[in-house]
Amino acid sequence: MQTALPVTPPAGPWYKHRWPWLLMLGPAIVVVAGVNLGFVAYRGQDAMVVDDYYKKGKAINQDLRRDRAASAMRLAFDARYDPAGEKLAGALSSGGQPLNAPFSIHLAHATQPEKDRKLDVIPDAQGRFSVALPMLERARWQVVIEGGKRDWRLAAAWHWPREQALAIKADVQETAN
């Protein structure tokens, strides 16, 4: 007794079926994404890498000395940014008294160094100042205020526009008796 096998029509070439294409789609997407990522990595250089780590370490120690000098002077910086007038206005004081010596304000963008700003400030006799500052991007800015001779420094983070005003006070150091 012989059983007859059902006759199936010929399947046709592989490229006419959808399953091989679906199986090849995943690796093809990975290859395209890998080439794109390689292009982005090659073109965009990492701005965070420092060439000379030893010099950078020495500079950190110098910055700590400048922070201690600011604490000894009991410095306080208060400012408000007016985006409509594109002005940063405020005051700098030392121990509650106005400080009218020239200083500089560095605004460093958190991720894009080309957007950093440096403002040279000459306050009036009451320690008040007003300086032009073009429209700031919504970002977290690292703010460093330095004396004209780079002998003291105040530093803080500023989240513009969430924080309209910027107030930085030097840490008061405890003295041991």
N, C-alpha and C. Protein backbone atom coordinates (compact mmCIF):
# COMPACT_ATOMS: atom_id res chain seq x y z
N MET A 1 0.81 -1.15 0.00
CA MET A 1 0.00 0.00 0.00
C MET A 1 0.88 1.25 0.00
N GLN A 2 0.57 2.07 -0.87
CA GLN A 2 1.37 3.26 -1.07
C GLN A 2 0.50 4.48 -0.81
N THR A 3 1.10 5.45 -0.03
CA THR A 3 0.34 6.69 0.23
C THR A 3 0.88 7.77 -0.69
N ALA A 4 0.02 8.52 -1.18
CA ALA A 4 0.43 9.59 -2.10
C ALA A 4 0.78 10.84 -1.30
N LEU A 5 1.92 11.40 -1.59
CA LEU A 5 2.33 12.65 -0.95
C LEU A 5 1.63 13.80 -1.65
N PRO A 6 1.24 14.78 -0.86
CA PRO A 6 0.58 15.91 -1.51
C PRO A 6 1.59 16.66 -2.39
N VAL A 7 1.14 17.11 -3.46
CA VAL A 7 1.99 17.83 -4.40
C VAL A 7 1.98 19.32 -4.01
N THR A 8 3.20 19.89 -3.82
CA THR A 8 3.30 21.32 -3.49
C THR A 8 3.87 22.05 -4.69
N PRO A 9 3.37 23.23 -4.92
CA PRO A 9 3.90 23.98 -6.06
C PRO A 9 5.33 24.45 -5.74
N PRO A 10 6.14 24.72 -6.74
CA PRO A 10 7.52 25.17 -6.48
C PRO A 10 7.50 26.48 -5.67
N ALA A 11 8.47 26.62 -4.72
CA ALA A 11 8.50 27.75 -3.77
C ALA A 11 8.94 29.06 -4.42
N GLY A 12 9.67 29.08 -5.43
CA GLY A 12 10.14 30.31 -6.06
C GLY A 12 11.46 30.75 -5.42
N PRO A 13 12.10 31.76 -6.00
CA PRO A 13 13.38 32.21 -5.48
C PRO A 13 13.24 32.85 -4.08
N TRP A 14 14.34 32.84 -3.32
CA TRP A 14 14.31 33.32 -1.93
C TRP A 14 13.98 34.80 -1.82
N TYR A 15 14.37 35.59 -2.77
CA TYR A 15 14.19 37.03 -2.65
C TYR A 15 12.74 37.46 -2.86
N LYS A 16 11.88 36.52 -3.23
CA LYS A 16 10.47 36.85 -3.39
C LYS A 16 9.68 36.60 -2.10
N HIS A 17 10.35 36.09 -1.08
CA HIS A 17 9.69 35.84 0.21
C HIS A 17 10.02 36.99 1.17
N ARG A 18 9.11 37.28 2.09
CA ARG A 18 9.34 38.42 2.99
C ARG A 18 10.24 38.07 4.17
N TRP A 19 10.31 36.82 4.64
CA TRP A 19 11.08 36.47 5.83
C TRP A 19 12.58 36.70 5.69
N PRO A 20 13.22 36.39 4.60
CA PRO A 20 14.66 36.71 4.50
C PRO A 20 14.92 38.22 4.61
N TRP A 21 14.04 39.01 4.04
CA TRP A 21 14.23 40.47 4.10
C TRP A 21 14.05 40.98 5.53
N LEU A 22 13.06 40.46 6.24
CA LEU A 22 12.87 40.87 7.63
C LEU A 22 14.06 40.45 8.50
N LEU A 23 14.62 39.27 8.22
CA LEU A 23 15.78 38.82 8.99
C LEU A 23 17.03 39.65 8.68
N MET A 24 17.15 40.15 7.47
CA MET A 24 18.32 40.95 7.09
C MET A 24 18.16 42.42 7.50
N LEU A 25 16.95 42.86 7.81
CA LEU A 25 16.71 44.26 8.14
C LEU A 25 17.45 44.68 9.42
N GLY A 26 17.44 43.85 10.45
CA GLY A 26 18.12 44.17 11.72
C GLY A 26 19.60 44.43 11.53
N PRO A 27 20.37 43.49 10.97
CA PRO A 27 21.79 43.75 10.76
C PRO A 27 22.06 44.95 9.84
N ALA A 28 21.21 45.18 8.84
CA ALA A 28 21.42 46.32 7.95
C ALA A 28 21.26 47.64 8.72
N ILE A 29 20.28 47.72 9.62
CA ILE A 29 20.09 48.93 10.44
C ILE A 29 21.29 49.14 11.34
N VAL A 30 21.83 48.07 11.92
CA VAL A 30 23.00 48.17 12.80
C VAL A 30 24.21 48.68 12.02
N VAL A 31 24.41 48.22 10.81
CA VAL A 31 25.55 48.66 10.00
C VAL A 31 25.41 50.16 9.68
N VAL A 32 24.22 50.60 9.29
CA VAL A 32 24.01 52.02 8.98
C VAL A 32 24.21 52.88 10.23
N ALA A 33 23.68 52.45 11.37
CA ALA A 33 23.84 53.20 12.61
C ALA A 33 25.32 53.24 13.04
N GLY A 34 26.04 52.13 12.86
CA GLY A 34 27.46 52.10 13.20
C GLY A 34 28.29 53.05 12.35
N VAL A 35 28.01 53.10 11.05
CA VAL A 35 28.72 54.03 10.16
C VAL A 35 28.41 55.47 10.55
N ASN A 36 27.15 55.75 10.86
CA ASN A 36 26.75 57.09 11.28
C ASN A 36 27.43 57.47 12.59
N LEU A 37 27.46 56.59 13.57
CA LEU A 37 28.11 56.85 14.85
C LEU A 37 29.61 57.06 14.67
N GLY A 38 30.23 56.27 13.81
CA GLY A 38 31.66 56.45 13.53
C GLY A 38 31.94 57.81 12.93
N PHE A 39 31.08 58.27 12.04
CA PHE A 39 31.23 59.59 11.43
C PHE A 39 31.12 60.68 12.48
N VAL A 40 30.13 60.59 13.35
CA VAL A 40 29.94 61.59 14.41
C VAL A 40 31.13 61.58 15.37
N ALA A 41 31.63 60.41 15.74
CA ALA A 41 32.77 60.32 16.65
C ALA A 41 34.04 60.89 16.02
N TYR A 42 34.21 60.69 14.75
CA TYR A 42 35.40 61.20 14.07
C TYR A 42 35.35 62.71 13.93
N ARG A 43 34.17 63.26 13.63
CA ARG A 43 34.04 64.71 13.39
C ARG A 43 33.98 65.52 14.67
N GLY A 44 33.32 65.03 15.70
CA GLY A 44 33.15 65.79 16.95
C GLY A 44 34.22 65.43 17.95
N GLN A 45 35.12 66.39 18.23
CA GLN A 45 36.20 66.12 19.18
C GLN A 45 35.71 66.37 20.59
N ASP A 46 36.26 65.61 21.51
CA ASP A 46 35.90 65.72 22.91
C ASP A 46 36.64 66.90 23.53
N ALA A 47 35.89 67.90 23.99
CA ALA A 47 36.51 69.11 24.55
C ALA A 47 36.91 68.92 26.01
N MET A 48 36.60 67.78 26.59
CA MET A 48 36.87 67.57 28.01
C MET A 48 38.28 67.04 28.28
N VAL A 49 38.98 66.59 27.28
CA VAL A 49 40.29 65.98 27.48
C VAL A 49 41.35 67.08 27.65
N VAL A 50 42.20 66.91 28.66
CA VAL A 50 43.25 67.88 28.96
C VAL A 50 44.59 67.27 28.55
N ASP A 51 45.42 68.07 27.89
CA ASP A 51 46.71 67.57 27.43
C ASP A 51 47.71 67.37 28.56
N ASP A 52 47.81 68.33 29.45
CA ASP A 52 48.84 68.28 30.48
C ASP A 52 48.18 68.18 31.86
N TYR A 53 48.06 66.96 32.37
CA TYR A 53 47.37 66.75 33.63
C TYR A 53 48.14 67.32 34.81
N TYR A 54 49.46 67.32 34.75
CA TYR A 54 50.27 67.83 35.85
C TYR A 54 50.05 69.34 36.02
N LYS A 55 50.08 70.07 34.92
CA LYS A 55 49.84 71.52 34.99
C LYS A 55 48.43 71.80 35.50
N LYS A 56 47.47 71.01 35.05
CA LYS A 56 46.09 71.20 35.48
C LYS A 56 45.97 70.96 36.98
N GLY A 57 46.69 69.97 37.51
CA GLY A 57 46.67 69.71 38.95
C GLY A 57 47.26 70.86 39.75
N LYS A 58 48.33 71.44 39.25
CA LYS A 58 48.93 72.60 39.91
C LYS A 58 47.97 73.79 39.88
N ALA A 59 47.25 73.94 38.77
CA ALA A 59 46.29 75.05 38.65
C ALA A 59 45.14 74.88 39.64
N ILE A 60 44.75 73.65 39.92
CA ILE A 60 43.67 73.41 40.89
C ILE A 60 44.11 73.90 42.27
N ASN A 61 45.36 73.61 42.65
CA ASN A 61 45.86 74.09 43.94
C ASN A 61 45.87 75.61 43.99
N GLN A 62 46.24 76.26 42.90
CA GLN A 62 46.24 77.72 42.85
C GLN A 62 44.81 78.25 43.00
N ASP A 63 43.83 77.57 42.37
CA ASP A 63 42.44 77.98 42.49
C ASP A 63 41.97 77.88 43.94
N LEU A 64 42.43 76.86 44.65
CA LEU A 64 42.05 76.72 46.06
C LEU A 64 42.60 77.89 46.87
N ARG A 65 43.81 78.34 46.57
CA ARG A 65 44.38 79.50 47.25
C ARG A 65 43.52 80.74 46.98
N ARG A 66 43.07 80.88 45.74
CA ARG A 66 42.24 82.03 45.38
C ARG A 66 40.88 81.96 46.07
N ASP A 67 40.33 80.75 46.25
CA ASP A 67 39.08 80.60 46.99
C ASP A 67 39.26 81.00 48.45
N ARG A 68 40.40 80.60 49.04
CA ARG A 68 40.67 80.98 50.43
C ARG A 68 40.84 82.50 50.56
N ALA A 69 41.46 83.14 49.56
CA ALA A 69 41.60 84.60 49.58
C ALA A 69 40.23 85.27 49.53
N ALA A 70 39.33 84.75 48.73
CA ALA A 70 37.96 85.29 48.66
C ALA A 70 37.25 85.12 49.99
N SER A 71 37.47 83.99 50.66
CA SER A 71 36.86 83.76 51.98
C SER A 71 37.42 84.74 53.00
N ALA A 72 38.73 84.98 52.96
CA ALA A 72 39.35 85.91 53.90
C ALA A 72 38.81 87.32 53.69
N MET A 73 38.50 87.67 52.45
CA MET A 73 37.95 89.01 52.14
C MET A 73 36.44 89.07 52.37
N ARG A 74 35.79 87.92 52.64
CA ARG A 74 34.34 87.80 52.83
C ARG A 74 33.59 88.43 51.65
N LEU A 75 33.94 87.97 50.45
CA LEU A 75 33.34 88.51 49.23
C LEU A 75 31.92 88.02 49.03
N ALA A 76 31.10 88.89 48.45
CA ALA A 76 29.72 88.54 48.08
C ALA A 76 29.41 89.19 46.75
N PHE A 77 28.84 88.41 45.85
CA PHE A 77 28.48 88.88 44.51
C PHE A 77 26.99 88.66 44.32
N ASP A 78 26.29 89.71 43.93
CA ASP A 78 24.86 89.62 43.64
C ASP A 78 24.62 90.26 42.28
N ALA A 79 23.88 89.56 41.40
CA ALA A 79 23.61 90.09 40.07
C ALA A 79 22.26 89.59 39.58
N ARG A 80 21.70 90.33 38.64
CA ARG A 80 20.45 89.97 37.99
C ARG A 80 20.61 90.22 36.50
N TYR A 81 20.12 89.25 35.71
CA TYR A 81 20.22 89.37 34.26
C TYR A 81 18.89 89.85 33.70
N ASP A 82 18.96 90.89 32.85
CA ASP A 82 17.78 91.44 32.17
C ASP A 82 17.87 91.04 30.70
N PRO A 83 17.13 90.00 30.27
CA PRO A 83 17.24 89.57 28.87
C PRO A 83 16.70 90.60 27.88
N ALA A 84 15.72 91.41 28.27
CA ALA A 84 15.17 92.41 27.36
C ALA A 84 16.21 93.49 27.07
N GLY A 85 16.90 93.94 28.09
CA GLY A 85 17.92 94.97 27.91
C GLY A 85 19.30 94.40 27.63
N GLU A 86 19.41 93.07 27.66
CA GLU A 86 20.68 92.36 27.47
C GLU A 86 21.77 92.93 28.36
N LYS A 87 21.47 93.03 29.66
CA LYS A 87 22.41 93.57 30.64
C LYS A 87 22.45 92.69 31.87
N LEU A 88 23.65 92.57 32.43
CA LEU A 88 23.86 91.92 33.71
C LEU A 88 24.24 93.03 34.67
N ALA A 89 23.44 93.22 35.73
CA ALA A 89 23.69 94.30 36.69
C ALA A 89 23.72 93.72 38.08
N GLY A 90 24.57 94.31 38.93
CA GLY A 90 24.66 93.81 40.29
C GLY A 90 25.68 94.58 41.09
N ALA A 91 26.19 93.91 42.14
CA ALA A 91 27.14 94.54 43.04
C ALA A 91 28.10 93.50 43.59
N LEU A 92 29.28 93.97 43.95
CA LEU A 92 30.31 93.13 44.57
C LEU A 92 30.71 93.81 45.87
N SER A 93 30.72 93.05 46.96
CA SER A 93 31.08 93.63 48.25
C SER A 93 32.08 92.74 48.97
N SER A 94 32.81 93.38 49.87
CA SER A 94 33.81 92.69 50.69
C SER A 94 33.50 92.99 52.14
N GLY A 95 33.06 91.99 52.88
CA GLY A 95 32.72 92.19 54.29
C GLY A 95 31.61 93.19 54.49
N GLY A 96 30.68 93.27 53.56
CA GLY A 96 29.56 94.20 53.65
C GLY A 96 29.87 95.57 53.08
N GLN A 97 31.12 95.84 52.75
CA GLN A 97 31.52 97.13 52.17
C GLN A 97 31.65 96.98 50.66
N PRO A 98 31.28 98.01 49.88
CA PRO A 98 31.39 97.90 48.42
C PRO A 98 32.85 97.73 47.99
N LEU A 99 33.04 96.91 46.98
CA LEU A 99 34.37 96.69 46.41
C LEU A 99 34.35 97.29 45.01
N ASN A 100 35.17 98.30 44.78
CA ASN A 100 35.12 98.98 43.49
C ASN A 100 36.34 98.69 42.62
N ALA A 101 37.04 97.61 42.89
CA ALA A 101 38.19 97.21 42.05
C ALA A 101 37.68 96.45 40.82
N PRO A 102 38.38 96.59 39.69
CA PRO A 102 37.96 95.85 38.48
C PRO A 102 38.02 94.33 38.71
N PHE A 103 37.11 93.65 38.06
CA PHE A 103 37.08 92.18 38.11
C PHE A 103 36.52 91.65 36.81
N SER A 104 36.56 90.35 36.64
CA SER A 104 36.03 89.74 35.42
C SER A 104 35.04 88.64 35.78
N ILE A 105 34.09 88.45 34.90
CA ILE A 105 33.07 87.41 35.06
C ILE A 105 33.22 86.45 33.89
N HIS A 106 33.41 85.17 34.19
CA HIS A 106 33.49 84.14 33.16
C HIS A 106 32.21 83.32 33.24
N LEU A 107 31.50 83.23 32.13
CA LEU A 107 30.32 82.38 32.03
C LEU A 107 30.69 81.22 31.11
N ALA A 108 30.77 80.03 31.67
CA ALA A 108 31.16 78.86 30.89
C ALA A 108 29.93 77.97 30.67
N HIS A 109 29.64 77.69 29.42
CA HIS A 109 28.54 76.79 29.06
C HIS A 109 28.91 75.38 29.52
N ALA A 110 27.93 74.63 29.97
CA ALA A 110 28.21 73.31 30.54
C ALA A 110 28.80 72.32 29.53
N THR A 111 28.42 72.42 28.27
CA THR A 111 28.87 71.41 27.30
C THR A 111 29.49 71.97 26.04
N GLN A 112 29.32 73.27 25.76
CA GLN A 112 29.79 73.82 24.49
C GLN A 112 30.73 75.00 24.74
N PRO A 113 32.05 74.75 24.72
CA PRO A 113 33.00 75.81 25.05
C PRO A 113 32.95 77.02 24.12
N GLU A 114 32.47 76.86 22.89
CA GLU A 114 32.41 78.01 21.98
C GLU A 114 31.36 79.04 22.41
N LYS A 115 30.49 78.68 23.35
CA LYS A 115 29.47 79.61 23.84
C LYS A 115 29.89 80.32 25.13
N ASP A 116 31.11 80.07 25.61
CA ASP A 116 31.61 80.71 26.82
C ASP A 116 31.71 82.22 26.61
N ARG A 117 31.54 82.97 27.69
CA ARG A 117 31.61 84.42 27.64
C ARG A 117 32.54 84.92 28.73
N LYS A 118 33.29 85.99 28.46
CA LYS A 118 34.12 86.65 29.47
C LYS A 118 33.75 88.13 29.46
N LEU A 119 33.41 88.65 30.64
CA LEU A 119 33.01 90.05 30.78
C LEU A 119 33.99 90.75 31.72
N ASP A 120 34.58 91.84 31.27
CA ASP A 120 35.44 92.66 32.11
C ASP A 120 34.58 93.76 32.72
N VAL A 121 34.65 93.89 34.06
CA VAL A 121 33.74 94.77 34.78
C VAL A 121 34.54 95.80 35.57
N ILE A 122 34.10 97.05 35.49
CA ILE A 122 34.65 98.12 36.33
C ILE A 122 33.48 98.71 37.12
N PRO A 123 33.37 98.35 38.40
CA PRO A 123 32.24 98.85 39.19
C PRO A 123 32.42 100.32 39.58
N ASP A 124 31.29 100.94 40.00
CA ASP A 124 31.37 102.32 40.46
C ASP A 124 31.83 102.35 41.93
N ALA A 125 31.81 103.50 42.55
CA ALA A 125 32.31 103.65 43.93
C ALA A 125 31.48 102.85 44.93
N GLN A 126 30.22 102.58 44.62
CA GLN A 126 29.38 101.78 45.51
C GLN A 126 29.48 100.28 45.22
N GLY A 127 30.36 99.88 44.32
CA GLY A 127 30.54 98.47 43.98
C GLY A 127 29.50 97.95 42.99
N ARG A 128 28.63 98.83 42.49
CA ARG A 128 27.60 98.41 41.54
C ARG A 128 28.17 98.42 40.12
N PHE A 129 27.61 97.56 39.29
CA PHE A 129 28.06 97.47 37.90
C PHE A 129 26.88 97.13 37.00
N SER A 130 27.05 97.42 35.73
CA SER A 130 26.11 97.02 34.69
C SER A 130 26.94 96.78 33.44
N VAL A 131 26.80 95.59 32.88
CA VAL A 131 27.61 95.22 31.73
C VAL A 131 26.73 94.55 30.68
N ALA A 132 27.04 94.82 29.40
CA ALA A 132 26.26 94.23 28.30
C ALA A 132 26.50 92.73 28.23
N LEU A 133 25.43 91.99 28.09
CA LEU A 133 25.51 90.53 27.98
C LEU A 133 24.44 90.08 26.99
N PRO A 134 24.84 89.68 25.76
CA PRO A 134 23.85 89.22 24.78
C PRO A 134 23.02 88.06 25.33
N MET A 135 21.91 87.82 24.69
CA MET A 135 20.95 86.81 25.15
C MET A 135 21.63 85.49 25.47
N LEU A 136 21.36 84.99 26.67
CA LEU A 136 21.92 83.72 27.10
C LEU A 136 21.01 82.57 26.68
N GLU A 137 21.62 81.45 26.38
CA GLU A 137 20.90 80.23 26.05
C GLU A 137 20.40 79.59 27.34
N ARG A 138 19.27 78.92 27.26
CA ARG A 138 18.77 78.17 28.42
C ARG A 138 19.76 77.06 28.71
N ALA A 139 20.45 77.15 29.82
CA ALA A 139 21.46 76.15 30.13
C ALA A 139 21.93 76.31 31.57
N ARG A 140 22.76 75.38 31.96
CA ARG A 140 23.47 75.47 33.24
C ARG A 140 24.81 76.11 32.93
N TRP A 141 25.07 77.26 33.53
CA TRP A 141 26.30 78.00 33.30
C TRP A 141 27.18 77.89 34.53
N GLN A 142 28.46 77.70 34.32
CA GLN A 142 29.43 77.75 35.41
C GLN A 142 29.95 79.19 35.45
N VAL A 143 29.77 79.87 36.57
CA VAL A 143 30.14 81.27 36.70
C VAL A 143 31.37 81.38 37.59
N VAL A 144 32.39 82.09 37.11
CA VAL A 144 33.60 82.34 37.88
C VAL A 144 33.85 83.84 37.86
N ILE A 145 33.91 84.43 39.07
CA ILE A 145 34.21 85.84 39.20
C ILE A 145 35.63 85.93 39.77
N GLU A 146 36.51 86.67 39.08
CA GLU A 146 37.91 86.76 39.48
C GLU A 146 38.31 88.22 39.65
N GLY A 147 39.24 88.44 40.58
CA GLY A 147 39.80 89.78 40.75
C GLY A 147 40.62 90.17 39.54
N GLY A 148 40.82 91.46 39.35
CA GLY A 148 41.57 91.95 38.20
C GLY A 148 42.99 91.40 38.13
N LYS A 149 43.59 91.13 39.29
CA LYS A 149 44.94 90.56 39.35
C LYS A 149 44.92 89.04 39.50
N ARG A 150 43.73 88.45 39.40
CA ARG A 150 43.53 87.00 39.56
C ARG A 150 44.01 86.52 40.94
N ASP A 151 43.78 87.36 41.95
CA ASP A 151 44.22 87.01 43.29
C ASP A 151 43.10 86.40 44.14
N TRP A 152 41.86 86.49 43.73
CA TRP A 152 40.74 85.85 44.41
C TRP A 152 39.76 85.34 43.36
N ARG A 153 38.85 84.47 43.82
CA ARG A 153 37.90 83.86 42.89
C ARG A 153 36.64 83.44 43.63
N LEU A 154 35.50 83.66 43.01
CA LEU A 154 34.21 83.13 43.45
C LEU A 154 33.67 82.25 42.32
N ALA A 155 33.07 81.14 42.66
CA ALA A 155 32.56 80.24 41.62
C ALA A 155 31.24 79.63 42.07
N ALA A 156 30.36 79.42 41.09
CA ALA A 156 29.07 78.78 41.35
C ALA A 156 28.44 78.36 40.03
N ALA A 157 27.43 77.52 40.13
CA ALA A 157 26.64 77.12 38.96
C ALA A 157 25.38 77.98 38.92
N TRP A 158 24.96 78.34 37.71
CA TRP A 158 23.78 79.19 37.52
C TRP A 158 22.91 78.55 36.47
N HIS A 159 21.66 78.26 36.83
CA HIS A 159 20.70 77.64 35.91
C HIS A 159 19.79 78.73 35.34
N TRP A 160 20.20 79.27 34.19
CA TRP A 160 19.41 80.30 33.54
C TRP A 160 18.39 79.65 32.62
N PRO A 161 17.15 80.03 32.56
CA PRO A 161 16.43 81.11 33.19
C PRO A 161 15.69 80.70 34.46
N ARG A 162 15.89 79.47 34.91
CA ARG A 162 15.21 79.03 36.13
C ARG A 162 15.57 79.92 37.31
N GLU A 163 16.83 80.35 37.38
CA GLU A 163 17.28 81.27 38.42
C GLU A 163 17.49 82.64 37.78
N GLN A 164 16.63 83.59 38.11
CA GLN A 164 16.72 84.92 37.52
C GLN A 164 17.91 85.69 38.10
N ALA A 165 18.17 85.53 39.38
CA ALA A 165 19.25 86.24 40.05
C ALA A 165 20.39 85.28 40.35
N LEU A 166 21.57 85.85 40.51
CA LEU A 166 22.76 85.07 40.83
C LEU A 166 23.39 85.66 42.08
N ALA A 167 23.53 84.86 43.12
CA ALA A 167 24.15 85.31 44.37
C ALA A 167 25.23 84.30 44.74
N ILE A 168 26.45 84.80 44.90
CA ILE A 168 27.58 83.95 45.29
C ILE A 168 28.25 84.60 46.49
N LYS A 169 28.42 83.83 47.54
CA LYS A 169 29.11 84.29 48.73
C LYS A 169 30.28 83.36 49.00
N ALA A 170 31.41 83.94 49.35
CA ALA A 170 32.59 83.14 49.67
C ALA A 170 32.31 82.36 50.96
N ASP A 171 32.78 81.13 51.00
CA ASP A 171 32.63 80.31 52.20
C ASP A 171 33.47 80.92 53.31
N VAL A 172 32.87 81.06 54.49
CA VAL A 172 33.60 81.59 55.63
C VAL A 172 34.38 80.45 56.24
N GLN A 173 35.68 80.65 56.39
CA GLN A 173 36.53 79.60 56.94
C GLN A 173 36.59 79.74 58.46
N GLU A 174 36.52 78.59 59.10
CA GLU A 174 36.61 78.54 60.56
C GLU A 174 38.07 78.64 60.96
N THR A 175 38.35 79.37 62.00
CA THR A 175 39.73 79.45 62.52
C THR A 175 39.79 78.70 63.83
N ALA A 176 40.83 77.89 63.98
CA ALA A 176 41.00 77.10 65.21
C ALA A 176 41.67 77.96 66.27
N ASN A 177 41.14 77.90 67.52
CA ASN A 177 41.74 78.67 68.62
C ASN A 177 42.60 77.80 69.46
